[in-house]
Amino acid sequence: MIYSEETMQLLDLTNQLVKSLKQTEVYQSYTQAIQQLDNLETKVKIDQFKQAKEDFALIEEYGKYAPDYKEKRQKLRQAKKELDLNEFVSNYRQKELVLQKELDEISVYLASSISNDIQINYGNPFKRSKNCGGC
């Protein structure tokens, strides 16, 4: 990519926008939620989930013909449930969704400011924007 003066100005403005976003309450709340994940109980649950996921992945392709298929699948589901019910993990996910919603709204605003024909592709499957087209 060849950088022109205009491109450099846009990059500077983008950096200013990022700095501004990092000063918002939504972002601060998100980073606090990340820090709260850093506790022994949560780390243990995350590790248990990862291990159960790896164990199940090894036999998943064999399906019900694998000797421990049901047990490993049940262990994976139980580990996922325990992880999902962890207060710090659920708090983190809620804060992440709020931040994602803010970023999505900014994307929609930027794109629609340029043209209503621009398609915005983001993670929310229940997209409310009329600008989406077929996404």
N, C-alpha and C. Protein backbone atom coordinates (compact mmCIF):
# COMPACT_ATOMS: atom_id res chain seq x y z
N MET A 1 0.84 -1.18 0.00
CA MET A 1 0.00 0.00 0.00
C MET A 1 0.88 1.24 0.00
N ILE A 2 0.54 2.17 -0.84
CA ILE A 2 1.28 3.42 -0.90
C ILE A 2 0.59 4.42 0.02
N TYR A 3 1.35 5.00 0.92
CA TYR A 3 0.79 5.94 1.88
C TYR A 3 0.90 7.36 1.36
N SER A 4 -0.23 8.02 1.25
CA SER A 4 -0.25 9.42 0.86
C SER A 4 -0.44 10.26 2.13
N GLU A 5 -0.42 11.53 1.96
CA GLU A 5 -0.64 12.44 3.09
C GLU A 5 -2.05 12.24 3.67
N GLU A 6 -3.01 12.01 2.78
CA GLU A 6 -4.39 11.79 3.23
C GLU A 6 -4.50 10.50 4.04
N THR A 7 -3.81 9.47 3.60
CA THR A 7 -3.82 8.21 4.32
C THR A 7 -3.22 8.39 5.71
N MET A 8 -2.15 9.12 5.78
CA MET A 8 -1.50 9.36 7.08
C MET A 8 -2.42 10.16 8.01
N GLN A 9 -3.15 11.10 7.47
CA GLN A 9 -4.09 11.87 8.27
C GLN A 9 -5.22 10.98 8.79
N LEU A 10 -5.70 10.10 7.92
CA LEU A 10 -6.76 9.17 8.34
C LEU A 10 -6.25 8.23 9.45
N LEU A 11 -5.02 7.77 9.34
CA LEU A 11 -4.45 6.91 10.37
C LEU A 11 -4.31 7.67 11.69
N ASP A 12 -3.91 8.93 11.62
CA ASP A 12 -3.82 9.75 12.83
C ASP A 12 -5.19 9.94 13.47
N LEU A 13 -6.20 10.20 12.65
CA LEU A 13 -7.56 10.35 13.17
C LEU A 13 -8.08 9.05 13.78
N THR A 14 -7.72 7.95 13.15
CA THR A 14 -8.11 6.64 13.67
C THR A 14 -7.47 6.40 15.04
N ASN A 15 -6.21 6.75 15.17
CA ASN A 15 -5.53 6.61 16.46
C ASN A 15 -6.17 7.50 17.52
N GLN A 16 -6.61 8.68 17.14
CA GLN A 16 -7.29 9.56 18.09
C GLN A 16 -8.63 8.95 18.52
N LEU A 17 -9.34 8.36 17.57
CA LEU A 17 -10.61 7.71 17.88
C LEU A 17 -10.39 6.55 18.86
N VAL A 18 -9.37 5.75 18.62
CA VAL A 18 -9.06 4.63 19.51
C VAL A 18 -8.74 5.13 20.91
N LYS A 19 -7.94 6.18 21.01
CA LYS A 19 -7.61 6.75 22.31
C LYS A 19 -8.87 7.25 23.02
N SER A 20 -9.75 7.87 22.28
CA SER A 20 -11.00 8.35 22.86
C SER A 20 -11.87 7.19 23.34
N LEU A 21 -11.94 6.14 22.54
CA LEU A 21 -12.72 4.97 22.93
C LEU A 21 -12.18 4.32 24.20
N LYS A 22 -10.86 4.32 24.33
CA LYS A 22 -10.25 3.70 25.51
C LYS A 22 -10.49 4.51 26.79
N GLN A 23 -10.96 5.72 26.64
CA GLN A 23 -11.26 6.55 27.80
C GLN A 23 -12.73 6.46 28.21
N THR A 24 -13.54 5.73 27.45
CA THR A 24 -14.96 5.63 27.76
C THR A 24 -15.20 4.69 28.94
N GLU A 25 -16.34 4.87 29.55
CA GLU A 25 -16.73 4.01 30.68
C GLU A 25 -16.93 2.56 30.22
N VAL A 26 -17.45 2.40 29.01
CA VAL A 26 -17.69 1.05 28.47
C VAL A 26 -16.37 0.29 28.35
N TYR A 27 -15.35 0.94 27.83
CA TYR A 27 -14.05 0.29 27.68
C TYR A 27 -13.42 0.03 29.04
N GLN A 28 -13.51 0.98 29.94
CA GLN A 28 -12.93 0.81 31.27
C GLN A 28 -13.59 -0.36 31.99
N SER A 29 -14.89 -0.47 31.84
CA SER A 29 -15.63 -1.58 32.45
C SER A 29 -15.19 -2.92 31.85
N TYR A 30 -14.95 -2.92 30.55
CA TYR A 30 -14.49 -4.13 29.86
C TYR A 30 -13.11 -4.55 30.37
N THR A 31 -12.20 -3.61 30.50
CA THR A 31 -10.85 -3.95 30.97
C THR A 31 -10.87 -4.42 32.42
N GLN A 32 -11.76 -3.86 33.22
CA GLN A 32 -11.89 -4.34 34.59
C GLN A 32 -12.40 -5.78 34.62
N ALA A 33 -13.32 -6.08 33.74
CA ALA A 33 -13.84 -7.45 33.66
C ALA A 33 -12.74 -8.43 33.25
N ILE A 34 -11.85 -8.00 32.36
CA ILE A 34 -10.72 -8.85 31.96
C ILE A 34 -9.81 -9.10 33.16
N GLN A 35 -9.55 -8.06 33.93
CA GLN A 35 -8.69 -8.20 35.10
C GLN A 35 -9.31 -9.12 36.14
N GLN A 36 -10.63 -9.10 36.26
CA GLN A 36 -11.31 -9.97 37.23
C GLN A 36 -11.21 -11.44 36.84
N LEU A 37 -10.97 -11.72 35.58
CA LEU A 37 -10.79 -13.11 35.14
C LEU A 37 -9.51 -13.71 35.70
N ASP A 38 -8.62 -12.85 36.14
CA ASP A 38 -7.31 -13.29 36.61
C ASP A 38 -7.37 -13.71 38.08
N ASN A 39 -8.13 -14.77 38.34
CA ASN A 39 -8.16 -15.34 39.68
C ASN A 39 -8.07 -16.86 39.56
N LEU A 40 -7.65 -17.50 40.62
CA LEU A 40 -7.34 -18.93 40.58
C LEU A 40 -8.56 -19.77 40.19
N GLU A 41 -9.70 -19.50 40.78
CA GLU A 41 -10.89 -20.31 40.51
C GLU A 41 -11.27 -20.25 39.03
N THR A 42 -11.25 -19.08 38.47
CA THR A 42 -11.62 -18.91 37.06
C THR A 42 -10.59 -19.56 36.15
N LYS A 43 -9.32 -19.39 36.47
CA LYS A 43 -8.26 -20.00 35.66
C LYS A 43 -8.40 -21.52 35.66
N VAL A 44 -8.73 -22.09 36.80
CA VAL A 44 -8.90 -23.55 36.90
C VAL A 44 -10.06 -23.99 36.01
N LYS A 45 -11.17 -23.26 36.06
CA LYS A 45 -12.33 -23.62 35.23
C LYS A 45 -12.02 -23.49 33.74
N ILE A 46 -11.28 -22.45 33.38
CA ILE A 46 -10.88 -22.27 31.98
C ILE A 46 -9.98 -23.41 31.54
N ASP A 47 -9.02 -23.77 32.38
CA ASP A 47 -8.11 -24.88 32.05
C ASP A 47 -8.86 -26.20 31.94
N GLN A 48 -9.82 -26.43 32.85
CA GLN A 48 -10.61 -27.66 32.79
C GLN A 48 -11.42 -27.72 31.49
N PHE A 49 -11.98 -26.58 31.11
CA PHE A 49 -12.75 -26.54 29.86
C PHE A 49 -11.85 -26.81 28.66
N LYS A 50 -10.69 -26.17 28.64
CA LYS A 50 -9.76 -26.37 27.51
C LYS A 50 -9.33 -27.83 27.41
N GLN A 51 -9.05 -28.44 28.55
CA GLN A 51 -8.63 -29.84 28.55
C GLN A 51 -9.76 -30.75 28.08
N ALA A 52 -10.96 -30.51 28.57
CA ALA A 52 -12.11 -31.32 28.15
C ALA A 52 -12.36 -31.14 26.65
N LYS A 53 -12.18 -29.92 26.16
CA LYS A 53 -12.37 -29.65 24.73
C LYS A 53 -11.33 -30.39 23.89
N GLU A 54 -10.08 -30.38 24.34
CA GLU A 54 -9.02 -31.10 23.63
C GLU A 54 -9.26 -32.60 23.65
N ASP A 55 -9.65 -33.13 24.82
CA ASP A 55 -9.91 -34.56 24.93
C ASP A 55 -11.04 -34.99 23.99
N PHE A 56 -12.09 -34.19 23.96
CA PHE A 56 -13.23 -34.53 23.10
C PHE A 56 -12.87 -34.40 21.63
N ALA A 57 -12.07 -33.39 21.28
CA ALA A 57 -11.68 -33.19 19.88
C ALA A 57 -10.92 -34.39 19.33
N LEU A 58 -10.18 -35.09 20.18
CA LEU A 58 -9.40 -36.24 19.73
C LEU A 58 -10.28 -37.40 19.27
N ILE A 59 -11.46 -37.52 19.85
CA ILE A 59 -12.32 -38.65 19.50
C ILE A 59 -13.59 -38.24 18.77
N GLU A 60 -13.80 -36.96 18.63
CA GLU A 60 -15.05 -36.45 18.06
C GLU A 60 -15.34 -37.02 16.67
N GLU A 61 -14.34 -37.13 15.84
CA GLU A 61 -14.56 -37.59 14.47
C GLU A 61 -15.05 -39.04 14.41
N TYR A 62 -14.82 -39.81 15.46
CA TYR A 62 -15.27 -41.20 15.48
C TYR A 62 -16.70 -41.32 15.99
N GLY A 63 -17.21 -40.25 16.56
CA GLY A 63 -18.59 -40.22 17.03
C GLY A 63 -18.86 -41.27 18.08
N LYS A 64 -20.05 -41.84 18.01
CA LYS A 64 -20.48 -42.80 19.03
C LYS A 64 -19.67 -44.09 19.04
N TYR A 65 -18.82 -44.27 18.02
CA TYR A 65 -18.01 -45.49 17.97
C TYR A 65 -16.75 -45.40 18.83
N ALA A 66 -16.41 -44.20 19.26
CA ALA A 66 -15.26 -44.04 20.15
C ALA A 66 -15.63 -44.57 21.52
N PRO A 67 -14.70 -45.24 22.21
CA PRO A 67 -15.02 -45.87 23.49
C PRO A 67 -15.56 -44.92 24.56
N ASP A 68 -15.01 -43.73 24.70
CA ASP A 68 -15.46 -42.82 25.77
C ASP A 68 -16.23 -41.63 25.21
N TYR A 69 -16.85 -41.77 24.08
CA TYR A 69 -17.48 -40.63 23.42
C TYR A 69 -18.49 -39.94 24.34
N LYS A 70 -19.41 -40.70 24.88
CA LYS A 70 -20.46 -40.10 25.73
C LYS A 70 -19.87 -39.45 26.98
N GLU A 71 -18.92 -40.12 27.59
CA GLU A 71 -18.32 -39.59 28.82
C GLU A 71 -17.56 -38.28 28.56
N LYS A 72 -16.80 -38.29 27.48
CA LYS A 72 -16.02 -37.08 27.17
C LYS A 72 -16.92 -35.94 26.73
N ARG A 73 -17.95 -36.25 25.99
CA ARG A 73 -18.91 -35.22 25.59
C ARG A 73 -19.61 -34.65 26.82
N GLN A 74 -19.99 -35.52 27.74
CA GLN A 74 -20.64 -35.07 28.97
C GLN A 74 -19.67 -34.22 29.81
N LYS A 75 -18.43 -34.64 29.88
CA LYS A 75 -17.43 -33.88 30.64
C LYS A 75 -17.22 -32.50 30.02
N LEU A 76 -17.20 -32.43 28.69
CA LEU A 76 -17.05 -31.15 28.00
C LEU A 76 -18.25 -30.25 28.30
N ARG A 77 -19.43 -30.79 28.22
CA ARG A 77 -20.64 -29.99 28.49
C ARG A 77 -20.65 -29.49 29.93
N GLN A 78 -20.25 -30.35 30.86
CA GLN A 78 -20.22 -29.96 32.26
C GLN A 78 -19.19 -28.85 32.50
N ALA A 79 -18.02 -28.98 31.88
CA ALA A 79 -16.98 -27.95 32.03
C ALA A 79 -17.44 -26.63 31.43
N LYS A 80 -18.13 -26.71 30.29
CA LYS A 80 -18.66 -25.49 29.65
C LYS A 80 -19.72 -24.84 30.54
N LYS A 81 -20.57 -25.64 31.12
CA LYS A 81 -21.62 -25.12 31.99
C LYS A 81 -21.01 -24.43 33.21
N GLU A 82 -20.02 -25.07 33.83
CA GLU A 82 -19.37 -24.48 34.99
C GLU A 82 -18.66 -23.17 34.62
N LEU A 83 -18.05 -23.14 33.46
CA LEU A 83 -17.39 -21.93 33.00
C LEU A 83 -18.41 -20.82 32.75
N ASP A 84 -19.50 -21.17 32.09
CA ASP A 84 -20.55 -20.18 31.80
C ASP A 84 -21.19 -19.63 33.07
N LEU A 85 -21.28 -20.43 34.10
CA LEU A 85 -21.91 -19.99 35.35
C LEU A 85 -20.96 -19.23 36.27
N ASN A 86 -19.68 -19.20 35.92
CA ASN A 86 -18.72 -18.44 36.71
C ASN A 86 -19.06 -16.96 36.62
N GLU A 87 -19.17 -16.29 37.76
CA GLU A 87 -19.60 -14.89 37.77
C GLU A 87 -18.65 -13.98 37.01
N PHE A 88 -17.36 -14.25 37.06
CA PHE A 88 -16.39 -13.39 36.39
C PHE A 88 -16.44 -13.58 34.87
N VAL A 89 -16.64 -14.82 34.45
CA VAL A 89 -16.74 -15.11 33.02
C VAL A 89 -18.01 -14.50 32.44
N SER A 90 -19.12 -14.66 33.15
CA SER A 90 -20.37 -14.10 32.63
C SER A 90 -20.31 -12.57 32.63
N ASN A 91 -19.69 -11.97 33.64
CA ASN A 91 -19.53 -10.52 33.67
C ASN A 91 -18.67 -10.06 32.50
N TYR A 92 -17.57 -10.78 32.25
CA TYR A 92 -16.70 -10.45 31.12
C TYR A 92 -17.47 -10.51 29.81
N ARG A 93 -18.25 -11.55 29.61
CA ARG A 93 -19.00 -11.70 28.36
C ARG A 93 -20.03 -10.59 28.18
N GLN A 94 -20.67 -10.19 29.27
CA GLN A 94 -21.63 -9.09 29.18
C GLN A 94 -20.94 -7.79 28.79
N LYS A 95 -19.81 -7.51 29.42
CA LYS A 95 -19.07 -6.28 29.12
C LYS A 95 -18.55 -6.32 27.68
N GLU A 96 -18.13 -7.49 27.24
CA GLU A 96 -17.64 -7.64 25.88
C GLU A 96 -18.75 -7.35 24.87
N LEU A 97 -19.95 -7.83 25.14
CA LEU A 97 -21.08 -7.58 24.25
C LEU A 97 -21.44 -6.10 24.19
N VAL A 98 -21.39 -5.44 25.33
CA VAL A 98 -21.69 -4.01 25.37
C VAL A 98 -20.66 -3.24 24.54
N LEU A 99 -19.39 -3.57 24.71
CA LEU A 99 -18.34 -2.91 23.93
C LEU A 99 -18.49 -3.22 22.45
N GLN A 100 -18.80 -4.46 22.12
CA GLN A 100 -18.99 -4.83 20.71
C GLN A 100 -20.15 -4.04 20.11
N LYS A 101 -21.21 -3.87 20.87
CA LYS A 101 -22.36 -3.11 20.38
C LYS A 101 -21.94 -1.67 20.08
N GLU A 102 -21.17 -1.08 20.96
CA GLU A 102 -20.68 0.29 20.74
C GLU A 102 -19.84 0.37 19.46
N LEU A 103 -18.93 -0.58 19.30
CA LEU A 103 -18.08 -0.59 18.11
C LEU A 103 -18.90 -0.80 16.83
N ASP A 104 -19.91 -1.66 16.93
CA ASP A 104 -20.78 -1.90 15.78
C ASP A 104 -21.54 -0.63 15.40
N GLU A 105 -22.03 0.08 16.40
CA GLU A 105 -22.76 1.32 16.12
C GLU A 105 -21.86 2.37 15.48
N ILE A 106 -20.62 2.43 15.91
CA ILE A 106 -19.66 3.35 15.30
C ILE A 106 -19.42 2.96 13.85
N SER A 107 -19.28 1.66 13.59
CA SER A 107 -19.07 1.18 12.22
C SER A 107 -20.25 1.53 11.33
N VAL A 108 -21.46 1.34 11.84
CA VAL A 108 -22.66 1.66 11.06
C VAL A 108 -22.70 3.15 10.77
N TYR A 109 -22.40 3.95 11.78
CA TYR A 109 -22.41 5.40 11.59
C TYR A 109 -21.39 5.84 10.54
N LEU A 110 -20.17 5.31 10.65
CA LEU A 110 -19.13 5.67 9.68
C LEU A 110 -19.53 5.27 8.26
N ALA A 111 -19.98 4.05 8.11
CA ALA A 111 -20.33 3.56 6.78
C ALA A 111 -21.52 4.32 6.20
N SER A 112 -22.54 4.54 7.01
CA SER A 112 -23.72 5.24 6.49
C SER A 112 -23.44 6.71 6.23
N SER A 113 -22.44 7.27 6.87
CA SER A 113 -22.05 8.65 6.59
C SER A 113 -21.44 8.78 5.20
N ILE A 114 -20.88 7.70 4.72
CA ILE A 114 -20.27 7.70 3.39
C ILE A 114 -21.29 7.31 2.33
N SER A 115 -21.99 6.20 2.58
CA SER A 115 -22.98 5.72 1.62
C SER A 115 -23.90 4.72 2.30
N ASN A 116 -25.18 4.77 1.95
CA ASN A 116 -26.13 3.80 2.48
C ASN A 116 -25.99 2.43 1.83
N ASP A 117 -25.20 2.34 0.78
CA ASP A 117 -25.00 1.08 0.07
C ASP A 117 -23.87 0.23 0.64
N ILE A 118 -23.10 0.79 1.57
CA ILE A 118 -21.98 0.05 2.15
C ILE A 118 -22.53 -1.01 3.09
N GLN A 119 -22.07 -2.23 2.89
CA GLN A 119 -22.49 -3.33 3.76
C GLN A 119 -21.54 -3.41 4.94
N ILE A 120 -22.12 -3.54 6.13
CA ILE A 120 -21.33 -3.64 7.35
C ILE A 120 -21.49 -5.06 7.86
N ASN A 121 -20.38 -5.73 8.00
CA ASN A 121 -20.40 -7.11 8.45
C ASN A 121 -19.81 -7.16 9.85
N TYR A 122 -20.62 -7.45 10.82
CA TYR A 122 -20.11 -7.58 12.18
C TYR A 122 -20.76 -8.74 12.88
N GLY A 123 -20.31 -9.00 14.10
CA GLY A 123 -20.65 -10.23 14.80
C GLY A 123 -22.06 -10.40 15.29
N ASN A 124 -22.87 -9.37 15.32
CA ASN A 124 -24.21 -9.48 15.86
C ASN A 124 -25.14 -10.10 14.82
N PRO A 125 -25.66 -11.31 15.08
CA PRO A 125 -26.53 -11.95 14.09
C PRO A 125 -27.90 -11.27 13.99
N PHE A 126 -28.26 -10.45 14.97
CA PHE A 126 -29.55 -9.77 14.98
C PHE A 126 -29.37 -8.32 14.57
N LYS A 127 -28.67 -8.14 13.50
CA LYS A 127 -28.32 -6.82 13.00
C LYS A 127 -29.57 -5.99 12.78
N ARG A 128 -29.53 -4.77 13.27
CA ARG A 128 -30.67 -3.88 13.16
C ARG A 128 -30.54 -2.91 12.01
N SER A 129 -29.41 -2.85 11.39
CA SER A 129 -29.16 -1.84 10.38
C SER A 129 -29.82 -2.19 9.06
N LYS A 130 -30.39 -1.20 8.42
CA LYS A 130 -30.98 -1.41 7.09
C LYS A 130 -29.89 -1.41 6.02
N ASN A 131 -28.67 -1.04 6.41
CA ASN A 131 -27.57 -0.93 5.45
C ASN A 131 -26.90 -2.27 5.18
N CYS A 132 -27.37 -3.29 5.77
CA CYS A 132 -26.66 -4.56 5.75
C CYS A 132 -26.70 -5.26 4.40
N GLY A 133 -27.74 -5.10 3.64
CA GLY A 133 -27.84 -5.85 2.39
C GLY A 133 -28.12 -7.30 2.71
N GLY A 134 -27.26 -8.21 2.27
CA GLY A 134 -27.49 -9.63 2.49
C GLY A 134 -26.72 -10.23 3.64
N CYS A 135 -26.10 -9.39 4.48
CA CYS A 135 -25.29 -10.00 5.55
C CYS A 135 -26.11 -10.39 6.76
